[in-house]
Protein backbone atom coordinates (compact mmCIF):
# COMPACT_ATOMS: atom_id res chain seq x y z
CA UNK A 1 79.14 162.90 141.43
CA UNK A 2 76.49 160.29 140.91
CA UNK A 3 77.24 156.77 142.30
CA UNK A 4 80.67 155.18 142.45
CA UNK A 5 81.13 155.16 138.68
CA UNK A 6 82.23 158.69 138.15
CA UNK A 7 84.13 158.85 141.47
CA UNK A 8 86.41 155.96 140.62
CA UNK A 9 86.67 156.60 136.84
CA UNK A 10 84.43 153.70 135.88
CA UNK A 11 81.92 154.06 133.07
CA UNK A 12 78.26 154.35 133.87
CA UNK A 13 77.31 151.85 131.24
CA UNK A 14 78.80 148.33 131.10
CA UNK A 15 80.72 147.65 127.93
CA UNK A 16 81.74 151.28 127.48
CA UNK A 17 85.41 151.87 126.66
CA UNK A 18 87.23 154.43 128.63
CA UNK A 19 90.76 155.60 129.54
CA UNK A 20 92.00 156.50 132.97
CA UNK A 21 94.90 158.88 133.53
CA UNK A 22 97.32 157.62 136.19
CA UNK A 23 99.22 160.75 137.19
CA UNK A 24 102.55 160.63 135.31
CA UNK A 25 101.10 160.50 131.81
CA UNK A 26 100.32 156.81 131.78
CA UNK A 27 96.97 155.80 130.40
CA UNK A 28 95.29 152.48 130.95
CA UNK A 29 92.57 151.58 128.48
CA UNK A 30 89.86 149.48 130.17
CA UNK A 31 86.80 147.82 128.86
CA UNK A 32 84.11 147.11 131.37
CA UNK A 33 82.63 143.68 130.85
CA UNK A 34 79.27 142.26 131.58
CA UNK A 35 78.09 138.66 131.71
CA UNK A 36 78.04 137.11 128.26
CA UNK A 37 80.56 139.53 126.73
CA UNK A 38 83.76 137.78 125.71
CA UNK A 39 87.02 139.69 126.12
CA UNK A 40 89.91 137.90 124.33
CA UNK A 41 93.04 137.52 126.39
CA UNK A 42 96.31 136.47 124.81
CA UNK A 43 98.27 134.38 127.30
CA UNK A 44 101.93 133.55 126.81
CA UNK A 45 101.26 129.97 127.85
CA UNK A 46 98.02 128.06 128.16
CA UNK A 47 97.14 126.29 131.39
CA UNK A 48 97.66 122.97 129.57
CA UNK A 49 101.18 124.08 128.50
CA UNK A 50 102.08 125.29 132.08
CA UNK A 51 100.92 122.00 133.55
CA UNK A 52 102.87 119.95 131.00
CA UNK A 53 106.05 121.99 131.79
CA UNK A 54 105.56 121.67 135.52
CA UNK A 55 104.87 117.87 135.28
CA UNK A 56 108.04 117.44 133.21
CA UNK A 57 110.03 118.89 136.16
CA UNK A 58 108.46 117.04 139.12
CA UNK A 59 108.13 113.55 140.38
CA UNK A 60 104.67 112.42 141.42
CA UNK A 61 104.38 109.73 144.13
CA UNK A 62 101.50 107.87 145.71
CA UNK A 63 100.24 108.60 149.19
CA UNK A 64 101.57 105.16 150.26
CA UNK A 65 105.12 106.10 149.06
CA UNK A 66 104.87 109.41 150.77
CA UNK A 67 103.97 107.79 154.09
CA UNK A 68 107.14 105.70 153.77
CA UNK A 69 109.20 108.94 153.58
CA UNK A 70 107.63 110.54 156.72
CA UNK A 71 110.70 109.86 158.93
CA UNK A 72 113.35 110.68 156.24
CA UNK A 73 115.39 113.73 157.53
CA UNK A 74 116.12 114.69 153.94
CA UNK A 75 112.44 115.19 153.14
CA UNK A 76 110.28 118.21 154.01
CA UNK A 77 106.53 117.74 153.69
CA UNK A 78 104.96 121.03 152.46
CA UNK A 79 101.27 121.51 152.91
CA UNK A 80 99.95 124.03 150.35
CA UNK A 81 96.32 123.88 151.40
CA UNK A 82 94.33 126.88 152.54
CA UNK A 83 94.32 127.70 156.28
CA UNK A 84 90.59 126.84 156.41
CA UNK A 85 91.40 123.33 155.05
CA UNK A 86 94.07 122.84 157.68
CA UNK A 87 91.57 123.84 160.38
CA UNK A 88 88.92 121.52 159.01
CA UNK A 89 91.05 118.49 158.04
CA UNK A 90 94.08 118.69 160.32
CA UNK A 91 97.78 118.62 159.62
CA UNK A 92 100.57 116.19 159.11
CA UNK A 93 102.92 116.49 162.15
CA UNK A 94 106.07 118.29 161.18
CA UNK A 95 104.85 119.49 157.83
CA UNK A 96 105.56 123.05 156.75
CA UNK A 97 102.55 125.12 155.78
CA UNK A 98 103.21 127.22 152.65
CA UNK A 99 99.91 128.63 151.32
CA UNK A 100 99.65 128.02 147.58
CA UNK A 101 99.31 131.74 146.86
CA UNK A 102 102.69 132.50 148.58
CA UNK A 103 104.66 129.45 147.46
CA UNK A 104 106.73 131.07 144.71
CA UNK A 105 107.51 134.00 146.94
CA UNK A 106 108.66 131.84 149.83
CA UNK A 107 110.79 129.55 147.62
CA UNK A 108 112.54 132.37 145.65
CA UNK A 109 115.74 133.42 147.52
CA UNK A 110 115.49 136.86 145.85
CA UNK A 111 112.01 137.49 147.30
CA UNK A 112 111.66 139.59 150.45
CA UNK A 113 109.22 136.82 151.64
CA UNK A 114 111.73 133.97 151.19
CA UNK A 115 111.69 131.24 153.88
CA UNK A 116 115.01 129.65 154.75
CA UNK A 117 113.53 126.18 154.85
CA UNK A 118 113.36 126.28 151.03
CA UNK A 119 117.16 126.87 150.84
CA UNK A 120 117.93 123.88 153.05
CA UNK A 121 118.95 121.57 150.17
CA UNK A 122 116.34 119.05 151.21
CA UNK A 123 113.86 117.30 149.01
CA UNK A 124 110.34 118.77 149.16
CA UNK A 125 107.09 116.79 149.07
CA UNK A 126 104.21 119.17 148.26
CA UNK A 127 100.66 118.08 149.07
């Protein structure tokens, strides 16, 4: 077997269509892309639509207003920054760290990754 292409079922030439068998009769049709080749992707919602929907559900407050809430026992500050940003820029004392990539999993009570703090009934201030 020459190179990694044949070993992993990838085509030797970029842009070539191919199908990969996945054991139980499933086939996945893949198109290898190269720079400059556009591959249309139909999304259910655009980013703009997702942001509009999310913004309709949340309240945005200023940093000054957030600071006023720091001692409110009904508020939980949730830091969604990357761990490297925390190390570089520091943390707000008492804030819960919930990495952005895990947030939905931690909030969802049906998720095996659910964190109890998100079922506390408190108000969350994400930053």
